[in-house]
N, C-alpha and C. Protein backbone atom coordinates (compact mmCIF):
# COMPACT_ATOMS: atom_id res chain seq x y z
N MET A 1 -13.44 39.25 22.24
CA MET A 1 -12.95 38.02 21.62
C MET A 1 -12.95 38.19 20.10
N LEU A 2 -11.91 37.70 19.46
CA LEU A 2 -11.81 37.79 18.02
C LEU A 2 -12.65 36.70 17.37
N THR A 3 -13.63 37.12 16.64
CA THR A 3 -14.45 36.17 15.89
C THR A 3 -14.41 36.59 14.42
N ASP A 4 -14.73 35.66 13.56
CA ASP A 4 -14.76 36.00 12.14
C ASP A 4 -15.68 37.13 11.85
N ARG A 5 -16.87 37.17 12.48
CA ARG A 5 -17.85 38.24 12.24
C ARG A 5 -17.29 39.57 12.68
N TRP A 6 -16.62 39.61 13.85
CA TRP A 6 -16.10 40.85 14.34
C TRP A 6 -14.98 41.36 13.43
N ILE A 7 -14.10 40.46 12.99
CA ILE A 7 -13.01 40.85 12.09
C ILE A 7 -13.58 41.33 10.76
N GLU A 8 -14.53 40.63 10.20
CA GLU A 8 -15.16 41.07 8.96
C GLU A 8 -15.79 42.43 9.09
N SER A 9 -16.45 42.70 10.23
CA SER A 9 -17.07 44.01 10.40
C SER A 9 -16.00 45.10 10.48
N LEU A 10 -14.86 44.82 11.07
CA LEU A 10 -13.78 45.81 11.08
C LEU A 10 -13.24 46.09 9.71
N LEU A 11 -13.06 45.01 8.92
CA LEU A 11 -12.44 45.14 7.61
C LEU A 11 -13.40 45.71 6.57
N THR A 12 -14.70 45.86 6.90
CA THR A 12 -15.61 46.53 5.97
C THR A 12 -15.41 48.05 6.06
N GLN A 13 -14.71 48.49 7.09
CA GLN A 13 -14.40 49.91 7.19
C GLN A 13 -13.16 50.18 6.33
N LYS A 14 -13.32 50.96 5.31
CA LYS A 14 -12.29 51.13 4.30
C LYS A 14 -10.91 51.49 4.85
N PRO A 15 -10.81 52.47 5.79
CA PRO A 15 -9.46 52.81 6.30
C PRO A 15 -8.79 51.63 6.98
N LEU A 16 -9.52 50.85 7.73
CA LEU A 16 -8.92 49.68 8.40
C LEU A 16 -8.50 48.64 7.40
N ALA A 17 -9.30 48.42 6.41
CA ALA A 17 -9.00 47.43 5.35
C ALA A 17 -7.72 47.86 4.61
N GLN A 18 -7.61 49.15 4.30
CA GLN A 18 -6.43 49.65 3.62
C GLN A 18 -5.18 49.51 4.51
N LEU A 19 -5.34 49.83 5.78
CA LEU A 19 -4.24 49.73 6.71
C LEU A 19 -3.79 48.25 6.85
N ALA A 20 -4.75 47.35 6.95
CA ALA A 20 -4.40 45.91 7.07
C ALA A 20 -3.71 45.43 5.80
N ALA A 21 -4.17 45.86 4.64
CA ALA A 21 -3.54 45.44 3.38
C ALA A 21 -2.12 45.98 3.30
N PHE A 22 -1.95 47.24 3.66
CA PHE A 22 -0.60 47.81 3.63
C PHE A 22 0.30 47.12 4.64
N ALA A 23 -0.19 46.91 5.86
CA ALA A 23 0.63 46.29 6.90
C ALA A 23 1.04 44.88 6.47
N SER A 24 0.16 44.14 5.84
CA SER A 24 0.53 42.78 5.44
C SER A 24 1.61 42.82 4.36
N ARG A 25 1.50 43.76 3.41
CA ARG A 25 2.55 43.88 2.39
C ARG A 25 3.84 44.34 3.01
N LEU A 26 3.79 45.31 3.93
CA LEU A 26 4.99 45.84 4.60
C LEU A 26 5.72 44.69 5.35
N LEU A 27 4.97 43.94 6.13
CA LEU A 27 5.59 42.89 6.92
C LEU A 27 6.22 41.82 6.04
N MET A 28 5.60 41.47 4.95
CA MET A 28 6.14 40.48 4.05
C MET A 28 7.33 41.03 3.27
N ALA A 29 7.22 42.30 2.85
CA ALA A 29 8.30 42.93 2.04
C ALA A 29 9.57 43.12 2.87
N LEU A 30 9.41 43.40 4.15
CA LEU A 30 10.57 43.71 4.99
C LEU A 30 11.65 42.62 4.96
N ILE A 31 11.23 41.38 5.02
CA ILE A 31 12.23 40.29 5.04
C ILE A 31 13.04 40.27 3.74
N PHE A 32 12.37 40.55 2.62
CA PHE A 32 13.11 40.58 1.36
C PHE A 32 13.99 41.79 1.26
N LEU A 33 13.49 42.93 1.69
CA LEU A 33 14.29 44.17 1.63
C LEU A 33 15.53 44.06 2.55
N LEU A 34 15.35 43.55 3.73
CA LEU A 34 16.49 43.42 4.64
C LEU A 34 17.46 42.35 4.16
N ALA A 35 16.96 41.27 3.65
CA ALA A 35 17.85 40.21 3.12
C ALA A 35 18.65 40.71 1.92
N GLY A 36 17.99 41.42 1.04
CA GLY A 36 18.67 41.94 -0.16
C GLY A 36 19.74 42.96 0.23
N TRP A 37 19.38 43.86 1.19
CA TRP A 37 20.35 44.87 1.63
C TRP A 37 21.54 44.17 2.32
N GLY A 38 21.26 43.15 3.10
CA GLY A 38 22.34 42.43 3.74
C GLY A 38 23.30 41.80 2.75
N LYS A 39 22.75 41.35 1.60
CA LYS A 39 23.60 40.78 0.56
C LYS A 39 24.43 41.88 -0.10
N VAL A 40 23.87 43.08 -0.24
CA VAL A 40 24.64 44.19 -0.83
C VAL A 40 25.79 44.56 0.08
N THR A 41 25.51 44.70 1.39
CA THR A 41 26.56 45.14 2.32
C THR A 41 27.54 44.02 2.68
N GLY A 42 27.12 42.78 2.49
CA GLY A 42 28.02 41.66 2.76
C GLY A 42 28.22 40.82 1.52
N TYR A 43 28.47 41.52 0.40
CA TYR A 43 28.53 40.89 -0.91
C TYR A 43 29.52 39.75 -0.99
N ALA A 44 30.75 39.98 -0.59
CA ALA A 44 31.80 38.96 -0.71
C ALA A 44 31.46 37.73 0.13
N GLY A 45 30.99 37.96 1.35
CA GLY A 45 30.62 36.82 2.19
C GLY A 45 29.47 36.03 1.65
N THR A 46 28.50 36.73 1.10
CA THR A 46 27.35 36.04 0.50
C THR A 46 27.76 35.24 -0.73
N ALA A 47 28.62 35.83 -1.55
CA ALA A 47 29.13 35.13 -2.76
C ALA A 47 29.85 33.85 -2.33
N HIS A 48 30.68 33.94 -1.29
CA HIS A 48 31.42 32.78 -0.81
C HIS A 48 30.44 31.69 -0.30
N TYR A 49 29.42 32.13 0.48
CA TYR A 49 28.45 31.18 0.97
C TYR A 49 27.67 30.51 -0.14
N MET A 50 27.28 31.27 -1.15
CA MET A 50 26.55 30.69 -2.28
C MET A 50 27.43 29.64 -2.95
N GLN A 51 28.68 29.96 -3.14
CA GLN A 51 29.59 29.03 -3.82
C GLN A 51 29.75 27.75 -2.99
N ALA A 52 29.84 27.93 -1.68
CA ALA A 52 29.98 26.77 -0.79
C ALA A 52 28.76 25.87 -0.86
N MET A 53 27.61 26.44 -1.16
CA MET A 53 26.35 25.70 -1.29
C MET A 53 26.10 25.18 -2.68
N GLY A 54 27.05 25.38 -3.57
CA GLY A 54 26.94 24.88 -4.95
C GLY A 54 26.17 25.79 -5.90
N VAL A 55 25.97 27.03 -5.47
CA VAL A 55 25.28 28.01 -6.33
C VAL A 55 26.31 29.00 -6.88
N PRO A 56 26.32 29.19 -8.19
CA PRO A 56 27.31 30.12 -8.77
C PRO A 56 27.14 31.52 -8.21
N PRO A 57 28.22 32.13 -7.70
CA PRO A 57 28.14 33.49 -7.19
C PRO A 57 27.72 34.51 -8.23
N SER A 58 27.80 34.13 -9.50
CA SER A 58 27.34 35.05 -10.57
C SER A 58 25.85 35.28 -10.47
N LEU A 59 25.14 34.46 -9.71
CA LEU A 59 23.69 34.65 -9.53
C LEU A 59 23.37 35.65 -8.43
N LEU A 60 24.39 36.12 -7.72
CA LEU A 60 24.14 37.03 -6.61
C LEU A 60 23.50 38.36 -7.06
N PRO A 61 23.90 38.98 -8.12
CA PRO A 61 23.19 40.22 -8.53
C PRO A 61 21.70 39.99 -8.83
N LEU A 62 21.42 38.83 -9.43
CA LEU A 62 20.02 38.50 -9.71
C LEU A 62 19.23 38.27 -8.40
N THR A 63 19.90 37.61 -7.46
CA THR A 63 19.30 37.38 -6.16
C THR A 63 18.98 38.68 -5.44
N ILE A 64 19.95 39.59 -5.49
CA ILE A 64 19.73 40.92 -4.88
C ILE A 64 18.60 41.67 -5.57
N ALA A 65 18.58 41.60 -6.89
CA ALA A 65 17.49 42.27 -7.64
C ALA A 65 16.11 41.70 -7.28
N VAL A 66 16.05 40.36 -7.16
CA VAL A 66 14.76 39.74 -6.81
C VAL A 66 14.33 40.20 -5.39
N GLU A 67 15.27 40.14 -4.45
CA GLU A 67 14.93 40.49 -3.07
C GLU A 67 14.61 41.97 -2.91
N LEU A 68 15.50 42.85 -3.38
CA LEU A 68 15.25 44.29 -3.24
C LEU A 68 14.13 44.76 -4.15
N GLY A 69 14.18 44.38 -5.40
CA GLY A 69 13.15 44.81 -6.34
C GLY A 69 11.77 44.23 -5.99
N GLY A 70 11.78 42.93 -5.72
CA GLY A 70 10.52 42.27 -5.36
C GLY A 70 9.95 42.80 -4.06
N GLY A 71 10.84 43.03 -3.08
CA GLY A 71 10.38 43.59 -1.81
C GLY A 71 9.79 44.97 -1.98
N LEU A 72 10.45 45.82 -2.76
CA LEU A 72 9.92 47.17 -3.01
C LEU A 72 8.61 47.15 -3.77
N LEU A 73 8.51 46.37 -4.79
CA LEU A 73 7.26 46.25 -5.54
C LEU A 73 6.13 45.70 -4.71
N LEU A 74 6.44 44.74 -3.86
CA LEU A 74 5.41 44.19 -2.98
C LEU A 74 4.94 45.26 -1.99
N LEU A 75 5.92 45.96 -1.43
CA LEU A 75 5.59 47.03 -0.49
C LEU A 75 4.65 48.09 -1.13
N LEU A 76 4.97 48.47 -2.36
CA LEU A 76 4.15 49.45 -3.07
C LEU A 76 2.84 48.89 -3.58
N GLY A 77 2.79 47.58 -3.70
CA GLY A 77 1.60 46.94 -4.24
C GLY A 77 1.52 47.15 -5.76
N LEU A 78 2.64 47.05 -6.41
CA LEU A 78 2.70 47.24 -7.86
C LEU A 78 3.02 45.89 -8.50
N TRP A 79 2.19 45.42 -9.40
CA TRP A 79 2.28 44.09 -9.97
C TRP A 79 2.29 43.01 -8.92
N THR A 80 1.46 43.23 -7.91
CA THR A 80 1.48 42.42 -6.68
C THR A 80 1.38 40.93 -6.94
N ARG A 81 0.42 40.54 -7.77
CA ARG A 81 0.21 39.11 -7.99
C ARG A 81 1.44 38.46 -8.63
N SER A 82 1.99 39.06 -9.66
CA SER A 82 3.13 38.51 -10.34
C SER A 82 4.38 38.50 -9.45
N VAL A 83 4.59 39.60 -8.76
CA VAL A 83 5.76 39.70 -7.87
C VAL A 83 5.65 38.68 -6.75
N ALA A 84 4.47 38.52 -6.18
CA ALA A 84 4.30 37.57 -5.11
C ALA A 84 4.51 36.15 -5.62
N ALA A 85 4.11 35.86 -6.84
CA ALA A 85 4.35 34.51 -7.38
C ALA A 85 5.84 34.25 -7.53
N VAL A 86 6.59 35.26 -8.02
CA VAL A 86 8.06 35.10 -8.16
C VAL A 86 8.68 34.92 -6.81
N LEU A 87 8.32 35.75 -5.81
CA LEU A 87 8.88 35.66 -4.49
C LEU A 87 8.53 34.34 -3.80
N ALA A 88 7.33 33.83 -4.03
CA ALA A 88 6.93 32.53 -3.47
C ALA A 88 7.82 31.43 -4.02
N GLY A 89 8.02 31.45 -5.32
CA GLY A 89 8.91 30.45 -5.92
C GLY A 89 10.33 30.58 -5.45
N PHE A 90 10.81 31.82 -5.35
CA PHE A 90 12.15 32.11 -4.80
C PHE A 90 12.28 31.58 -3.40
N SER A 91 11.27 31.77 -2.57
CA SER A 91 11.33 31.30 -1.20
C SER A 91 11.42 29.79 -1.10
N VAL A 92 10.69 29.10 -1.93
CA VAL A 92 10.73 27.64 -1.96
C VAL A 92 12.10 27.15 -2.43
N ILE A 93 12.58 27.73 -3.54
CA ILE A 93 13.86 27.32 -4.08
C ILE A 93 14.97 27.57 -3.06
N THR A 94 14.98 28.72 -2.43
CA THR A 94 16.05 29.01 -1.46
C THR A 94 15.95 28.10 -0.25
N ALA A 95 14.71 27.73 0.13
CA ALA A 95 14.57 26.77 1.24
C ALA A 95 15.22 25.43 0.88
N LEU A 96 14.95 24.98 -0.32
CA LEU A 96 15.49 23.69 -0.74
C LEU A 96 17.02 23.71 -0.89
N ILE A 97 17.56 24.81 -1.36
CA ILE A 97 19.00 24.88 -1.59
C ILE A 97 19.77 25.18 -0.30
N PHE A 98 19.34 26.19 0.45
CA PHE A 98 20.13 26.71 1.55
C PHE A 98 19.69 26.19 2.92
N HIS A 99 18.51 25.63 3.05
CA HIS A 99 18.01 25.23 4.33
C HIS A 99 17.52 23.80 4.35
N SER A 100 18.21 22.94 3.66
CA SER A 100 17.76 21.57 3.51
C SER A 100 18.33 20.59 4.55
N GLN A 101 19.21 21.04 5.41
CA GLN A 101 19.75 20.19 6.46
C GLN A 101 18.77 20.17 7.64
N LEU A 102 17.69 19.43 7.46
CA LEU A 102 16.56 19.52 8.41
C LEU A 102 16.86 18.90 9.78
N SER A 103 17.97 18.21 9.90
CA SER A 103 18.31 17.64 11.21
C SER A 103 18.81 18.73 12.16
N ASP A 104 19.26 19.87 11.60
CA ASP A 104 19.71 21.01 12.39
C ASP A 104 18.50 21.87 12.70
N GLN A 105 18.22 22.14 13.98
CA GLN A 105 17.00 22.84 14.35
C GLN A 105 16.90 24.24 13.75
N THR A 106 17.98 24.97 13.73
CA THR A 106 17.97 26.36 13.18
C THR A 106 17.67 26.28 11.69
N THR A 107 18.32 25.39 10.99
CA THR A 107 18.09 25.24 9.54
C THR A 107 16.66 24.80 9.29
N PHE A 108 16.14 23.90 10.11
CA PHE A 108 14.75 23.45 9.97
C PHE A 108 13.80 24.62 10.14
N ILE A 109 14.04 25.48 11.13
CA ILE A 109 13.17 26.63 11.32
C ILE A 109 13.26 27.59 10.12
N MET A 110 14.44 27.78 9.58
CA MET A 110 14.60 28.65 8.39
C MET A 110 13.88 28.04 7.20
N PHE A 111 13.97 26.71 7.05
CA PHE A 111 13.22 26.02 5.99
C PHE A 111 11.73 26.26 6.11
N MET A 112 11.21 26.05 7.32
CA MET A 112 9.77 26.26 7.53
C MET A 112 9.36 27.70 7.38
N LYS A 113 10.25 28.65 7.76
CA LYS A 113 9.96 30.08 7.60
C LYS A 113 9.79 30.38 6.13
N ASN A 114 10.72 29.83 5.31
CA ASN A 114 10.60 30.10 3.87
C ASN A 114 9.30 29.50 3.29
N LEU A 115 8.93 28.33 3.75
CA LEU A 115 7.66 27.74 3.27
C LEU A 115 6.46 28.56 3.73
N ALA A 116 6.50 29.07 4.97
CA ALA A 116 5.41 29.92 5.47
C ALA A 116 5.33 31.21 4.67
N MET A 117 6.49 31.78 4.33
CA MET A 117 6.49 32.98 3.50
C MET A 117 5.85 32.68 2.13
N ALA A 118 6.21 31.55 1.56
CA ALA A 118 5.61 31.19 0.26
C ALA A 118 4.11 31.09 0.40
N GLY A 119 3.65 30.50 1.50
CA GLY A 119 2.19 30.41 1.69
C GLY A 119 1.54 31.78 1.81
N GLY A 120 2.16 32.68 2.57
CA GLY A 120 1.65 34.04 2.70
C GLY A 120 1.64 34.76 1.35
N LEU A 121 2.73 34.56 0.58
CA LEU A 121 2.81 35.20 -0.72
C LEU A 121 1.77 34.70 -1.67
N LEU A 122 1.41 33.42 -1.57
CA LEU A 122 0.35 32.88 -2.41
C LEU A 122 -0.99 33.54 -2.15
N GLN A 123 -1.17 34.02 -0.93
CA GLN A 123 -2.41 34.78 -0.60
C GLN A 123 -2.45 36.10 -1.39
N PHE A 124 -1.28 36.71 -1.61
CA PHE A 124 -1.23 37.91 -2.45
C PHE A 124 -1.48 37.56 -3.91
N VAL A 125 -0.99 36.39 -4.35
CA VAL A 125 -1.29 35.92 -5.69
C VAL A 125 -2.79 35.77 -5.87
N ILE A 126 -3.47 35.21 -4.90
CA ILE A 126 -4.90 34.98 -5.00
C ILE A 126 -5.71 36.28 -4.86
N HIS A 127 -5.38 37.09 -3.85
CA HIS A 127 -6.22 38.24 -3.50
C HIS A 127 -5.68 39.59 -3.92
N GLY A 128 -4.44 39.65 -4.41
CA GLY A 128 -3.86 40.94 -4.79
C GLY A 128 -3.37 41.69 -3.57
N GLY A 129 -3.01 42.95 -3.80
CA GLY A 129 -2.39 43.76 -2.77
C GLY A 129 -3.35 44.57 -1.91
N GLY A 130 -4.64 44.56 -2.22
CA GLY A 130 -5.60 45.31 -1.47
C GLY A 130 -5.83 46.70 -2.00
N ALA A 131 -6.72 47.40 -1.35
CA ALA A 131 -7.13 48.70 -1.80
C ALA A 131 -6.03 49.75 -1.70
N ALA A 132 -5.07 49.56 -0.80
CA ALA A 132 -4.00 50.54 -0.60
C ALA A 132 -2.84 50.29 -1.57
N ALA A 133 -2.96 49.35 -2.45
CA ALA A 133 -1.86 49.02 -3.38
C ALA A 133 -1.91 49.93 -4.62
N LEU A 134 -0.78 50.16 -5.21
CA LEU A 134 -0.75 50.92 -6.45
C LEU A 134 -1.56 50.22 -7.55
N ASP A 135 -1.59 48.91 -7.51
CA ASP A 135 -2.37 48.14 -8.46
C ASP A 135 -3.85 48.59 -8.48
N ALA A 136 -4.39 48.92 -7.29
CA ALA A 136 -5.79 49.31 -7.17
C ALA A 136 -6.06 50.68 -7.75
N ARG A 137 -5.02 51.45 -8.01
CA ARG A 137 -5.16 52.80 -8.54
C ARG A 137 -4.94 52.87 -10.05
N ARG A 138 -4.58 51.74 -10.65
CA ARG A 138 -4.33 51.72 -12.09
C ARG A 138 -5.59 51.37 -12.83
């Protein structure tokens, strides 16, 4: 049975703690990396969608940079706290702009997913990237 004491005893073992820290950054970074790459490969469609939602398509390169750059930096654990703060804010802003039709179940789930991501990212703001992060080696 998973108990706090059992989990804490596992995480006092340095290799497991490093693996858990890396896995948490990887899992969080993947959504940004995949979303950014999807915007690169579907640039015209994404620009059209942004415009339809009232967002200037000229912001698409910045959006891609935030998602790909932020995802990569989070994965590496470089400037983790600052990057996580930016990505948390980005997640909330995109939830409010693109997923605000809460009467639609899919949109509601996407809205809540973005808020959950922001919550997870705030944990990186508080605790950093862990021992396996490049930040820990500087």
